[in-house]
């Protein structure tokens, strides 16, 4: 992987993802935040049902689009993070970054969370 891409992935930030619709089979592109925590890349969102999460649960391969200073379309795979203790550890860091520490338990119970691995 190119060094500029590796550096962009270390920072976290705003990206787009393209998923495949679980019902329609069509591609869907949305803007979302990602986080690099302990050299692992995660995508999460506010509590509630999210189409992007349902799409990734049904079709885990997607495209991770870097779009700020570094631009790249990276093939990736999502793995839903479901174990409560792991979710709490990861989401504690994310809620702290978003200034929502008081909502941690709600995030653990209701927020989508996936770990991203990049395909070659």
PDB file of N, CA and C in Angstrom:
ATOM      1  N   UNK A   1       0.848  -1.180   0.000  1.00  0.00           N
ATOM      2  CA  UNK A   1       0.000   0.000   0.000  1.00  0.00           C
ATOM      3  C   UNK A   1       0.890   1.239   0.000  1.00  0.00           C
ATOM      4  N   UNK A   2       0.548   2.202  -0.791  1.00  0.00           N
ATOM      5  CA  UNK A   2       1.287   3.451  -0.914  1.00  0.00           C
ATOM      6  C   UNK A   2       1.412   4.145   0.449  1.00  0.00           C
ATOM      7  N   UNK A   3       2.568   4.752   0.689  1.00  0.00           N
ATOM      8  CA  UNK A   3       2.837   5.415   1.970  1.00  0.00           C
ATOM      9  C   UNK A   3       1.828   6.528   2.279  1.00  0.00           C
ATOM     10  N   UNK A   4       1.436   7.321   1.279  1.00  0.00           N
ATOM     11  CA  UNK A   4       0.470   8.402   1.519  1.00  0.00           C
ATOM     12  C   UNK A   4      -0.888   7.837   1.928  1.00  0.00           C
ATOM     13  N   UNK A   5      -1.250   6.694   1.383  1.00  0.00           N
ATOM     14  CA  UNK A   5      -2.508   6.038   1.766  1.00  0.00           C
ATOM     15  C   UNK A   5      -2.396   5.535   3.201  1.00  0.00           C
ATOM     16  N   UNK A   6      -1.282   4.906   3.539  1.00  0.00           N
ATOM     17  CA  UNK A   6      -1.080   4.418   4.905  1.00  0.00           C
ATOM     18  C   UNK A   6      -1.178   5.567   5.908  1.00  0.00           C
ATOM     19  N   UNK A   7      -0.574   6.704   5.586  1.00  0.00           N
ATOM     20  CA  UNK A   7      -0.626   7.861   6.485  1.00  0.00           C
ATOM     21  C   UNK A   7      -2.044   8.385   6.622  1.00  0.00           C
ATOM     22  N   UNK A   8      -2.794   8.432   5.523  1.00  0.00           N
ATOM     23  CA  UNK A   8      -4.185   8.892   5.576  1.00  0.00           C
ATOM     24  C   UNK A   8      -5.030   7.958   6.443  1.00  0.00           C
ATOM     25  N   UNK A   9      -4.769   6.668   6.347  1.00  0.00           N
ATOM     26  CA  UNK A   9      -5.518   5.705   7.151  1.00  0.00           C
ATOM     27  C   UNK A   9      -5.179   5.822   8.634  1.00  0.00           C
ATOM     28  N   UNK A  10      -3.967   6.246   8.960  1.00  0.00           N
ATOM     29  CA  UNK A  10      -3.575   6.429  10.356  1.00  0.00           C
ATOM     30  C   UNK A  10      -4.317   7.586  11.021  1.00  0.00           C
ATOM     31  N   UNK A  11      -4.670   8.591  10.223  1.00  0.00           N
ATOM     32  CA  UNK A  11      -5.287   9.807  10.772  1.00  0.00           C
ATOM     33  C   UNK A  11      -6.758   9.634  11.110  1.00  0.00           C
ATOM     34  N   UNK A  12      -7.476   8.807  10.384  1.00  0.00           N
ATOM     35  CA  UNK A  12      -8.927   8.778  10.526  1.00  0.00           C
ATOM     36  C   UNK A  12      -9.511   9.997   9.836  1.00  0.00           C
ATOM     37  N   UNK A  13     -10.819  10.068   9.759  1.00  0.00           N
ATOM     38  CA  UNK A  13     -11.453  11.220   9.146  1.00  0.00           C
ATOM     39  C   UNK A  13     -12.709  10.857   8.376  1.00  0.00           C
ATOM     40  N   UNK A  14     -13.017  11.702   7.405  1.00  0.00           N
ATOM     41  CA  UNK A  14     -14.234  11.544   6.610  1.00  0.00           C
ATOM     42  C   UNK A  14     -13.884  10.853   5.294  1.00  0.00           C
ATOM     43  N   UNK A  15     -14.698   9.850   4.964  1.00  0.00           N
ATOM     44  CA  UNK A  15     -14.526   9.076   3.738  1.00  0.00           C
ATOM     45  C   UNK A  15     -15.897   8.879   3.106  1.00  0.00           C
ATOM     46  N   UNK A  16     -15.918   8.249   1.962  1.00  0.00           N
ATOM     47  CA  UNK A  16     -17.134   7.685   1.401  1.00  0.00           C
ATOM     48  C   UNK A  16     -16.950   6.172   1.410  1.00  0.00           C
ATOM     49  N   UNK A  17     -18.062   5.466   1.500  1.00  0.00           N
ATOM     50  CA  UNK A  17     -18.037   4.027   1.274  1.00  0.00           C
ATOM     51  C   UNK A  17     -19.091   3.691   0.236  1.00  0.00           C
ATOM     52  N   UNK A  18     -18.791   2.707  -0.579  1.00  0.00           N
ATOM     53  CA  UNK A  18     -19.770   2.178  -1.523  1.00  0.00           C
ATOM     54  C   UNK A  18     -20.066   0.752  -1.116  1.00  0.00           C
ATOM     55  N   UNK A  19     -21.335   0.517  -0.787  1.00  0.00           N
ATOM     56  CA  UNK A  19     -21.801  -0.806  -0.399  1.00  0.00           C
ATOM     57  C   UNK A  19     -22.738  -1.337  -1.482  1.00  0.00           C
ATOM     58  N   UNK A  20     -23.031  -2.611  -1.401  1.00  0.00           N
ATOM     59  CA  UNK A  20     -24.005  -3.245  -2.292  1.00  0.00           C
ATOM     60  C   UNK A  20     -25.284  -3.464  -1.490  1.00  0.00           C
ATOM     61  N   UNK A  21     -26.392  -2.955  -2.000  1.00  0.00           N
ATOM     62  CA  UNK A  21     -27.667  -3.062  -1.305  1.00  0.00           C
ATOM     63  C   UNK A  21     -28.063  -4.495  -1.030  1.00  0.00           C
ATOM     64  N   UNK A  22     -28.472  -4.764   0.198  1.00  0.00           N
ATOM     65  CA  UNK A  22     -28.818  -6.127   0.595  1.00  0.00           C
ATOM     66  C   UNK A  22     -30.066  -6.620  -0.113  1.00  0.00           C
ATOM     67  N   UNK A  23     -30.964  -5.719  -0.479  1.00  0.00           N
ATOM     68  CA  UNK A  23     -32.193  -6.108  -1.183  1.00  0.00           C
ATOM     69  C   UNK A  23     -32.100  -5.803  -2.674  1.00  0.00           C
ATOM     70  N   UNK A  24     -31.609  -4.609  -2.997  1.00  0.00           N
ATOM     71  CA  UNK A  24     -31.613  -4.161  -4.400  1.00  0.00           C
ATOM     72  C   UNK A  24     -30.462  -4.727  -5.215  1.00  0.00           C
ATOM     73  N   UNK A  25     -29.342  -5.009  -4.547  1.00  0.00           N
ATOM     74  CA  UNK A  25     -28.150  -5.441  -5.270  1.00  0.00           C
ATOM     75  C   UNK A  25     -27.435  -4.302  -5.974  1.00  0.00           C
ATOM     76  N   UNK A  26     -27.924  -3.080  -5.786  1.00  0.00           N
ATOM     77  CA  UNK A  26     -27.305  -1.904  -6.417  1.00  0.00           C
ATOM     78  C   UNK A  26     -26.286  -1.272  -5.471  1.00  0.00           C
ATOM     79  N   UNK A  27     -25.331  -0.564  -6.055  1.00  0.00           N
ATOM     80  CA  UNK A  27     -24.327   0.107  -5.228  1.00  0.00           C
ATOM     81  C   UNK A  27     -24.902   1.390  -4.630  1.00  0.00           C
ATOM     82  N   UNK A  28     -24.455   1.669  -3.397  1.00  0.00           N
ATOM     83  CA  UNK A  28     -24.872   2.863  -2.663  1.00  0.00           C
ATOM     84  C   UNK A  28     -23.622   3.511  -2.078  1.00  0.00           C
ATOM     85  N   UNK A  29     -23.451   4.808  -2.318  1.00  0.00           N
ATOM     86  CA  UNK A  29     -22.282   5.529  -1.807  1.00  0.00           C
ATOM     87  C   UNK A  29     -22.756   6.576  -0.802  1.00  0.00           C
ATOM     88  N   UNK A  30     -22.104   6.558   0.373  1.00  0.00           N
ATOM     89  CA  UNK A  30     -22.427   7.536   1.410  1.00  0.00           C
ATOM     90  C   UNK A  30     -21.139   8.089   2.022  1.00  0.00           C
ATOM     91  N   UNK A  31     -21.265   9.237   2.671  1.00  0.00           N
ATOM     92  CA  UNK A  31     -20.158   9.830   3.416  1.00  0.00           C
ATOM     93  C   UNK A  31     -20.268   9.379   4.871  1.00  0.00           C
ATOM     94  N   UNK A  32     -19.111   9.067   5.465  1.00  0.00           N
ATOM     95  CA  UNK A  32     -19.098   8.563   6.840  1.00  0.00           C
ATOM     96  C   UNK A  32     -17.712   8.792   7.445  1.00  0.00           C
ATOM     97  N   UNK A  33     -17.639   8.731   8.763  1.00  0.00           N
ATOM     98  CA  UNK A  33     -16.349   8.873   9.449  1.00  0.00           C
ATOM     99  C   UNK A  33     -15.726   7.506   9.701  1.00  0.00           C
ATOM    100  N   UNK A  34     -14.389   7.497   9.708  1.00  0.00           N
ATOM    101  CA  UNK A  34     -13.683   6.282  10.121  1.00  0.00           C
ATOM    102  C   UNK A  34     -12.670   6.651  11.181  1.00  0.00           C
ATOM    103  N   UNK A  35     -12.248   5.646  11.933  1.00  0.00           N
ATOM    104  CA  UNK A  35     -11.329   5.836  13.054  1.00  0.00           C
ATOM    105  C   UNK A  35     -10.219   4.804  12.956  1.00  0.00           C
ATOM    106  N   UNK A  36      -9.002   5.216  13.276  1.00  0.00           N
ATOM    107  CA  UNK A  36      -7.893   4.284  13.392  1.00  0.00           C
ATOM    108  C   UNK A  36      -7.552   4.207  14.872  1.00  0.00           C
ATOM    109  N   UNK A  37      -7.805   3.047  15.454  1.00  0.00           N
ATOM    110  CA  UNK A  37      -7.565   2.833  16.881  1.00  0.00           C
ATOM    111  C   UNK A  37      -6.649   1.625  17.024  1.00  0.00           C
ATOM    112  N   UNK A  38      -5.494   1.838  17.593  1.00  0.00           N
ATOM    113  CA  UNK A  38      -4.521   0.754  17.785  1.00  0.00           C
ATOM    114  C   UNK A  38      -4.209   0.047  16.465  1.00  0.00           C
ATOM    115  N   UNK A  39      -4.014   0.850  15.416  1.00  0.00           N
ATOM    116  CA  UNK A  39      -3.668   0.353  14.081  1.00  0.00           C
ATOM    117  C   UNK A  39      -4.739  -0.526  13.445  1.00  0.00           C
ATOM    118  N   UNK A  40      -5.979  -0.369  13.874  1.00  0.00           N
ATOM    119  CA  UNK A  40      -7.108  -1.031  13.234  1.00  0.00           C
ATOM    120  C   UNK A  40      -8.087   0.055  12.793  1.00  0.00           C
ATOM    121  N   UNK A  41      -8.706  -0.163  11.640  1.00  0.00           N
ATOM    122  CA  UNK A  41      -9.635   0.812  11.080  1.00  0.00           C
ATOM    123  C   UNK A  41     -11.065   0.364  11.380  1.00  0.00           C
ATOM    124  N   UNK A  42     -11.862   1.309  11.895  1.00  0.00           N
ATOM    125  CA  UNK A  42     -13.256   1.044  12.241  1.00  0.00           C
ATOM    126  C   UNK A  42     -14.157   2.085  11.590  1.00  0.00           C
ATOM    127  N   UNK A  43     -15.366   1.657  11.288  1.00  0.00           N
ATOM    128  CA  UNK A  43     -16.426   2.563  10.866  1.00  0.00           C
ATOM    129  C   UNK A  43     -17.570   2.364  11.848  1.00  0.00           C
ATOM    130  N   UNK A  44     -18.109   3.476  12.331  1.00  0.00           N
ATOM    131  CA  UNK A  44     -19.238   3.420  13.236  1.00  0.00           C
ATOM    132  C   UNK A  44     -20.198   4.543  12.876  1.00  0.00           C
ATOM    133  N   UNK A  45     -21.256   4.645  13.633  1.00  0.00           N
ATOM    134  CA  UNK A  45     -22.230   5.697  13.395  1.00  0.00           C
ATOM    135  C   UNK A  45     -23.044   5.926  14.648  1.00  0.00           C
ATOM    136  N   UNK A  46     -23.957   6.861  14.551  1.00  0.00           N
ATOM    137  CA  UNK A  46     -24.835   7.150  15.672  1.00  0.00           C
ATOM    138  C   UNK A  46     -25.744   5.951  15.935  1.00  0.00           C
ATOM    139  N   UNK A  47     -26.249   5.841  17.164  1.00  0.00           N
ATOM    140  CA  UNK A  47     -27.151   4.730  17.474  1.00  0.00           C
ATOM    141  C   UNK A  47     -28.358   4.707  16.540  1.00  0.00           C
ATOM    142  N   UNK A  48     -28.783   3.508  16.232  1.00  0.00           N
ATOM    143  CA  UNK A  48     -29.958   3.326  15.389  1.00  0.00           C
ATOM    144  C   UNK A  48     -29.662   2.413  14.215  1.00  0.00           C
ATOM    145  N   UNK A  49     -30.712   2.078  13.494  1.00  0.00           N
ATOM    146  CA  UNK A  49     -30.569   1.229  12.310  1.00  0.00           C
ATOM    147  C   UNK A  49     -29.966   2.042  11.183  1.00  0.00           C
ATOM    148  N   UNK A  50     -29.036   1.450  10.475  1.00  0.00           N
ATOM    149  CA  UNK A  50     -28.365   2.119   9.362  1.00  0.00           C
ATOM    150  C   UNK A  50     -28.344   1.184   8.172  1.00  0.00           C
ATOM    151  N   UNK A  51     -28.758   1.715   7.018  1.00  0.00           N
ATOM    152  CA  UNK A  51     -28.752   0.904   5.798  1.00  0.00           C
ATOM    153  C   UNK A  51     -27.351   0.432   5.448  1.00  0.00           C
ATOM    154  N   UNK A  52     -26.351   1.312   5.629  1.00  0.00           N
ATOM    155  CA  UNK A  52     -24.993   0.921   5.254  1.00  0.00           C
ATOM    156  C   UNK A  52     -24.545  -0.295   6.063  1.00  0.00           C
ATOM    157  N   UNK A  53     -24.938  -0.344   7.330  1.00  0.00           N
ATOM    158  CA  UNK A  53     -24.553  -1.462   8.184  1.00  0.00           C
ATOM    159  C   UNK A  53     -25.274  -2.742   7.759  1.00  0.00           C
ATOM    160  N   UNK A  54     -26.552  -2.631   7.454  1.00  0.00           N
ATOM    161  CA  UNK A  54     -27.306  -3.793   6.973  1.00  0.00           C
ATOM    162  C   UNK A  54     -26.713  -4.297   5.659  1.00  0.00           C
ATOM    163  N   UNK A  55     -26.316  -3.362   4.784  1.00  0.00           N
ATOM    164  CA  UNK A  55     -25.697  -3.756   3.517  1.00  0.00           C
ATOM    165  C   UNK A  55     -24.388  -4.488   3.753  1.00  0.00           C
ATOM    166  N   UNK A  56     -23.552  -3.957   4.658  1.00  0.00           N
ATOM    167  CA  UNK A  56     -22.264  -4.606   4.928  1.00  0.00           C
ATOM    168  C   UNK A  56     -22.435  -5.938   5.655  1.00  0.00           C
ATOM    169  N   UNK A  57     -23.464  -6.059   6.457  1.00  0.00           N
ATOM    170  CA  UNK A  57     -23.717  -7.334   7.128  1.00  0.00           C
ATOM    171  C   UNK A  57     -24.087  -8.406   6.110  1.00  0.00           C
ATOM    172  N   UNK A  58     -24.838  -8.010   5.079  1.00  0.00           N
ATOM    173  CA  UNK A  58     -25.255  -8.962   4.037  1.00  0.00           C
ATOM    174  C   UNK A  58     -24.167  -9.184   2.989  1.00  0.00           C
ATOM    175  N   UNK A  59     -23.441  -8.108   2.650  1.00  0.00           N
ATOM    176  CA  UNK A  59     -22.402  -8.139   1.608  1.00  0.00           C
ATOM    177  C   UNK A  59     -21.172  -7.417   2.157  1.00  0.00           C
ATOM    178  N   UNK A  60     -20.285  -8.117   2.849  1.00  0.00           N
ATOM    179  CA  UNK A  60     -19.195  -7.443   3.562  1.00  0.00           C
ATOM    180  C   UNK A  60     -18.134  -6.771   2.692  1.00  0.00           C
ATOM    181  N   UNK A  61     -18.037  -7.121   1.426  1.00  0.00           N
ATOM    182  CA  UNK A  61     -17.037  -6.447   0.591  1.00  0.00           C
ATOM    183  C   UNK A  61     -17.596  -5.122   0.107  1.00  0.00           C
ATOM    184  N   UNK A  62     -16.747  -4.077   0.182  1.00  0.00           N
ATOM    185  CA  UNK A  62     -17.163  -2.726  -0.182  1.00  0.00           C
ATOM    186  C   UNK A  62     -15.955  -1.936  -0.651  1.00  0.00           C
ATOM    187  N   UNK A  63     -16.202  -0.699  -1.061  1.00  0.00           N
ATOM    188  CA  UNK A  63     -15.100   0.186  -1.453  1.00  0.00           C
ATOM    189  C   UNK A  63     -14.998   1.316  -0.445  1.00  0.00           C
ATOM    190  N   UNK A  64     -13.794   1.533   0.030  1.00  0.00           N
ATOM    191  CA  UNK A  64     -13.439   2.550   1.016  1.00  0.00           C
ATOM    192  C   UNK A  64     -12.772   3.665   0.226  1.00  0.00           C
ATOM    193  N   UNK A  65     -13.420   4.834   0.140  1.00  0.00           N
ATOM    194  CA  UNK A  65     -12.946   5.929  -0.704  1.00  0.00           C
ATOM    195  C   UNK A  65     -12.286   7.021   0.146  1.00  0.00           C
ATOM    196  N   UNK A  66     -10.964   7.124   0.062  1.00  0.00           N
ATOM    197  CA  UNK A  66     -10.281   8.288   0.633  1.00  0.00           C
ATOM    198  C   UNK A  66     -10.546   9.450  -0.303  1.00  0.00           C
ATOM    199  N   UNK A  67     -10.872  10.639   0.260  1.00  0.00           N
ATOM    200  CA  UNK A  67     -11.284  11.725  -0.624  1.00  0.00           C
ATOM    201  C   UNK A  67     -10.784  13.102  -0.200  1.00  0.00           C
ATOM    202  N   UNK A  68      -9.964  13.173   0.772  1.00  0.00           N
ATOM    203  CA  UNK A  68      -9.432  14.476   1.197  1.00  0.00           C
ATOM    204  C   UNK A  68      -8.109  14.736   0.467  1.00  0.00           C
ATOM    205  N   UNK A  69      -7.035  14.957   1.206  1.00  0.00           N
ATOM    206  CA  UNK A  69      -5.729  15.217   0.572  1.00  0.00           C
ATOM    207  C   UNK A  69      -5.270  14.046  -0.277  1.00  0.00           C
ATOM    208  N   UNK A  70      -5.509  12.856   0.216  1.00  0.00           N
ATOM    209  CA  UNK A  70      -5.155  11.644  -0.521  1.00  0.00           C
ATOM    210  C   UNK A  70      -6.447  11.055  -1.068  1.00  0.00           C
ATOM    211  N   UNK A  71      -6.428  10.733  -2.344  1.00  0.00           N
ATOM    212  CA  UNK A  71      -7.597  10.143  -2.985  1.00  0.00           C
ATOM    213  C   UNK A  71      -7.254   8.722  -3.427  1.00  0.00           C
ATOM    214  N   UNK A  72      -8.110   7.785  -3.030  1.00  0.00           N
ATOM    215  CA  UNK A  72      -7.904   6.382  -3.405  1.00  0.00           C
ATOM    216  C   UNK A  72      -9.202   5.623  -3.190  1.00  0.00           C
ATOM    217  N   UNK A  73      -9.424   4.636  -4.024  1.00  0.00           N
ATOM    218  CA  UNK A  73     -10.559   3.732  -3.898  1.00  0.00           C
ATOM    219  C   UNK A  73     -10.001   2.369  -3.494  1.00  0.00           C
ATOM    220  N   UNK A  74     -10.236   1.991  -2.257  1.00  0.00           N
ATOM    221  CA  UNK A  74      -9.615   0.798  -1.692  1.00  0.00           C
ATOM    222  C   UNK A  74     -10.639  -0.316  -1.503  1.00  0.00           C
ATOM    223  N   UNK A  75     -10.422  -1.466  -2.142  1.00  0.00           N
ATOM    224  CA  UNK A  75     -11.307  -2.598  -1.887  1.00  0.00           C
ATOM    225  C   UNK A  75     -11.132  -3.049  -0.436  1.00  0.00           C
ATOM    226  N   UNK A  76     -12.255  -3.326   0.222  1.00  0.00           N
ATOM    227  CA  UNK A  76     -12.199  -3.649   1.652  1.00  0.00           C
ATOM    228  C   UNK A  76     -13.272  -4.664   2.010  1.00  0.00           C
ATOM    229  N   UNK A  77     -13.136  -5.171   3.223  1.00  0.00           N
ATOM    230  CA  UNK A  77     -14.122  -6.102   3.779  1.00  0.00           C
ATOM    231  C   UNK A  77     -14.453  -5.632   5.193  1.00  0.00           C
ATOM    232  N   UNK A  78     -15.737  -5.682   5.525  1.00  0.00           N
ATOM    233  CA  UNK A  78     -16.200  -5.285   6.858  1.00  0.00           C
ATOM    234  C   UNK A  78     -16.478  -6.525   7.702  1.00  0.00           C
ATOM    235  N   UNK A  79     -16.111  -6.423   8.964  1.00  0.00           N
ATOM    236  CA  UNK A  79     -16.445  -7.458   9.931  1.00  0.00           C
ATOM    237  C   UNK A  79     -17.200  -6.794  11.076  1.00  0.00           C
ATOM    238  N   UNK A  80     -18.503  -7.081  11.214  1.00  0.00           N
ATOM    239  CA  UNK A  80     -19.251  -6.490  12.324  1.00  0.00           C
ATOM    240  C   UNK A  80     -18.616  -6.852  13.666  1.00  0.00           C
ATOM    241  N   UNK A  81     -18.505  -5.869  14.540  1.00  0.00           N
ATOM    242  CA  UNK A  81     -17.965  -6.081  15.887  1.00  0.00           C
ATOM    243  C   UNK A  81     -19.173  -6.230  16.807  1.00  0.00           C
ATOM    244  N   UNK A  82     -19.367  -7.435  17.347  1.00  0.00           N
ATOM    245  CA  UNK A  82     -20.574  -7.723  18.112  1.00  0.00           C
ATOM    246  C   UNK A  82     -20.321  -8.065  19.576  1.00  0.00           C
ATOM    247  N   UNK A  83     -19.107  -8.458  19.931  1.00  0.00           N
ATOM    248  CA  UNK A  83     -18.807  -8.834  21.316  1.00  0.00           C
ATOM    249  C   UNK A  83     -18.863  -7.568  22.191  1.00  0.00           C
ATOM    250  N   UNK A  84     -19.693  -7.603  23.223  1.00  0.00           N
ATOM    251  CA  UNK A  84     -19.990  -6.407  24.020  1.00  0.00           C
ATOM    252  C   UNK A  84     -18.761  -5.751  24.648  1.00  0.00           C
ATOM    253  N   UNK A  85     -17.862  -6.536  25.201  1.00  0.00           N
ATOM    254  CA  UNK A  85     -16.668  -5.950  25.818  1.00  0.00           C
ATOM    255  C   UNK A  85     -15.783  -5.245  24.810  1.00  0.00           C
ATOM    256  N   UNK A  86     -15.617  -5.845  23.647  1.00  0.00           N
ATOM    257  CA  UNK A  86     -14.815  -5.237  22.575  1.00  0.00           C
ATOM    258  C   UNK A  86     -15.512  -3.973  22.074  1.00  0.00           C
ATOM    259  N   UNK A  87     -16.831  -4.062  21.879  1.00  0.00           N
ATOM    260  CA  UNK A  87     -17.598  -2.879  21.439  1.00  0.00           C
ATOM    261  C   UNK A  87     -17.405  -1.726  22.428  1.00  0.00           C
ATOM    262  N   UNK A  88     -17.498  -2.034  23.719  1.00  0.00           N
ATOM    263  CA  UNK A  88     -17.376  -0.993  24.754  1.00  0.00           C
ATOM    264  C   UNK A  88     -15.995  -0.325  24.673  1.00  0.00           C
ATOM    265  N   UNK A  89     -14.936  -1.127  24.524  1.00  0.00           N
ATOM    266  CA  UNK A  89     -13.583  -0.564  24.448  1.00  0.00           C
ATOM    267  C   UNK A  89     -13.428   0.361  23.241  1.00  0.00           C
ATOM    268  N   UNK A  90     -13.902  -0.089  22.092  1.00  0.00           N
ATOM    269  CA  UNK A  90     -13.763   0.700  20.863  1.00  0.00           C
ATOM    270  C   UNK A  90     -14.654   1.928  20.904  1.00  0.00           C
ATOM    271  N   UNK A  91     -15.907   1.720  21.272  1.00  0.00           N
ATOM    272  CA  UNK A  91     -16.861   2.834  21.263  1.00  0.00           C
ATOM    273  C   UNK A  91     -16.567   3.858  22.353  1.00  0.00           C
ATOM    274  N   UNK A  92     -15.888   3.468  23.424  1.00  0.00           N
ATOM    275  CA  UNK A  92     -15.463   4.446  24.439  1.00  0.00           C
ATOM    276  C   UNK A  92     -14.521   5.463  23.809  1.00  0.00           C
ATOM    277  N   UNK A  93     -13.624   4.992  22.961  1.00  0.00           N
ATOM    278  CA  UNK A  93     -12.693   5.897  22.286  1.00  0.00           C
ATOM    279  C   UNK A  93     -13.413   6.774  21.271  1.00  0.00           C
ATOM    280  N   UNK A  94     -14.359   6.195  20.542  1.00  0.00           N
ATOM    281  CA  UNK A  94     -15.093   6.947  19.527  1.00  0.00           C
ATOM    282  C   UNK A  94     -16.003   7.985  20.176  1.00  0.00           C
ATOM    283  N   UNK A  95     -16.734   7.602  21.223  1.00  0.00           N
ATOM    284  CA  UNK A  95     -17.619   8.585  21.871  1.00  0.00           C
ATOM    285  C   UNK A  95     -16.805   9.713  22.506  1.00  0.00           C
ATOM    286  N   UNK A  96     -15.626   9.401  23.009  1.00  0.00           N
ATOM    287  CA  UNK A  96     -14.752  10.444  23.571  1.00  0.00           C
ATOM    288  C   UNK A  96     -14.331  11.413  22.470  1.00  0.00           C
ATOM    289  N   UNK A  97     -13.965  10.883  21.312  1.00  0.00           N
ATOM    290  CA  UNK A  97     -13.555  11.737  20.182  1.00  0.00           C
ATOM    291  C   UNK A  97     -14.712  12.613  19.704  1.00  0.00           C
ATOM    292  N   UNK A  98     -15.935  12.099  19.804  1.00  0.00           N
ATOM    293  CA  UNK A  98     -17.117  12.846  19.354  1.00  0.00           C
ATOM    294  C   UNK A  98     -17.748  13.696  20.459  1.00  0.00           C
ATOM    295  N   UNK A  99     -17.163  13.673  21.669  1.00  0.00           N
ATOM    296  CA  UNK A  99     -17.729  14.433  22.782  1.00  0.00           C
ATOM    297  C   UNK A  99     -19.069  13.882  23.251  1.00  0.00           C
ATOM    298  N   UNK A 100     -19.243  12.570  23.169  1.00  0.00           N
ATOM    299  CA  UNK A 100     -20.509  11.919  23.547  1.00  0.00           C
ATOM    300  C   UNK A 100     -20.281  10.832  24.602  1.00  0.00           C
ATOM    301  N   UNK A 101     -19.330  11.061  25.497  1.00  0.00           N
ATOM    302  CA  UNK A 101     -18.983  10.047  26.493  1.00  0.00           C
ATOM    303  C   UNK A 101     -20.184   9.601  27.320  1.00  0.00           C
ATOM    304  N   UNK A 102     -21.083  10.528  27.615  1.00  0.00           N
ATOM    305  CA  UNK A 102     -22.254  10.207  28.437  1.00  0.00           C
ATOM    306  C   UNK A 102     -23.192   9.225  27.744  1.00  0.00           C
ATOM    307  N   UNK A 103     -23.072   9.087  26.451  1.00  0.00           N
ATOM    308  CA  UNK A 103     -23.950   8.204  25.684  1.00  0.00           C
ATOM    309  C   UNK A 103     -23.309   6.837  25.388  1.00  0.00           C
ATOM    310  N   UNK A 104     -22.197   6.550  26.049  1.00  0.00           N
ATOM    311  CA  UNK A 104     -21.459   5.326  25.742  1.00  0.00           C
ATOM    312  C   UNK A 104     -22.348   4.090  25.772  1.00  0.00           C
ATOM    313  N   UNK A 105     -23.125   3.898  26.826  1.00  0.00           N
ATOM    314  CA  UNK A 105     -23.921   2.670  26.932  1.00  0.00           C
ATOM    315  C   UNK A 105     -24.941   2.570  25.798  1.00  0.00           C
ATOM    316  N   UNK A 106     -25.491   3.685  25.390  1.00  0.00           N
ATOM    317  CA  UNK A 106     -26.424   3.660  24.249  1.00  0.00           C
ATOM    318  C   UNK A 106     -25.685   3.278  22.970  1.00  0.00           C
ATOM    319  N   UNK A 107     -24.495   3.832  22.779  1.00  0.00           N
ATOM    320  CA  UNK A 107     -23.695   3.475  21.609  1.00  0.00           C
ATOM    321  C   UNK A 107     -23.364   1.985  21.615  1.00  0.00           C
ATOM    322  N   UNK A 108     -22.965   1.460  22.768  1.00  0.00           N
ATOM    323  CA  UNK A 108     -22.624   0.031  22.851  1.00  0.00           C
ATOM    324  C   UNK A 108     -23.838  -0.818  22.490  1.00  0.00           C
ATOM    325  N   UNK A 109     -25.005  -0.426  22.947  1.00  0.00           N
ATOM    326  CA  UNK A 109     -26.219  -1.206  22.707  1.00  0.00           C
ATOM    327  C   UNK A 109     -26.764  -1.056  21.290  1.00  0.00           C
ATOM    328  N   UNK A 110     -26.599   0.148  20.669  1.00  0.00           N
ATOM    329  CA  UNK A 110     -27.362   0.436  19.460  1.00  0.00           C
ATOM    330  C   UNK A 110     -26.570   0.885  18.233  1.00  0.00           C
ATOM    331  N   UNK A 111     -25.289   1.175  18.363  1.00  0.00           N
ATOM    332  CA  UNK A 111     -24.546   1.725  17.222  1.00  0.00           C
ATOM    333  C   UNK A 111     -23.977   0.647  16.317  1.00  0.00           C
ATOM    334  N   UNK A 112     -23.997   0.901  15.010  1.00  0.00           N
ATOM    335  CA  UNK A 112     -23.297   0.001  14.097  1.00  0.00           C
ATOM    336  C   UNK A 112     -21.792   0.152  14.306  1.00  0.00           C
ATOM    337  N   UNK A 113     -21.057  -0.937  14.164  1.00  0.00           N
ATOM    338  CA  UNK A 113     -19.606  -0.898  14.310  1.00  0.00           C
ATOM    339  C   UNK A 113     -19.003  -2.032  13.497  1.00  0.00           C
ATOM    340  N   UNK A 114     -18.108  -1.677  12.581  1.00  0.00           N
ATOM    341  CA  UNK A 114     -17.395  -2.691  11.795  1.00  0.00           C
ATOM    342  C   UNK A 114     -15.903  -2.411  11.830  1.00  0.00           C
ATOM    343  N   UNK A 115     -15.144  -3.496  11.815  1.00  0.00           N
ATOM    344  CA  UNK A 115     -13.702  -3.414  11.617  1.00  0.00           C
ATOM    345  C   UNK A 115     -13.442  -3.616  10.131  1.00  0.00           C
ATOM    346  N   UNK A 116     -12.558  -2.812   9.577  1.00  0.00           N
ATOM    347  CA  UNK A 116     -12.264  -2.842   8.147  1.00  0.00           C
ATOM    348  C   UNK A 116     -10.939  -3.541   7.904  1.00  0.00           C
ATOM    349  N   UNK A 117     -10.933  -4.448   6.958  1.00  0.00           N
ATOM    350  CA  UNK A 117      -9.670  -5.004   6.463  1.00  0.00           C
ATOM    351  C   UNK A 117      -9.591  -4.678   4.977  1.00  0.00           C
ATOM    352  N   UNK A 118      -8.405  -4.361   4.536  1.00  0.00           N
ATOM    353  CA  UNK A 118      -8.223  -3.961   3.143  1.00  0.00           C
ATOM    354  C   UNK A 118      -7.759  -5.160   2.326  1.00  0.00           C
ATOM    355  N   UNK A 119      -8.351  -5.296   1.147  1.00  0.00           N
ATOM    356  CA  UNK A 119      -8.046  -6.406   0.263  1.00  0.00           C
ATOM    357  C   UNK A 119      -6.937  -5.985  -0.675  1.00  0.00           C
ATOM    358  N   UNK A 120      -6.157  -6.908  -1.121  1.00  0.00           N
ATOM    359  CA  UNK A 120      -5.044  -6.586  -2.015  1.00  0.00           C
ATOM    360  C   UNK A 120      -5.516  -6.511  -3.450  1.00  0.00           C
TER     361      UNK A 120
END
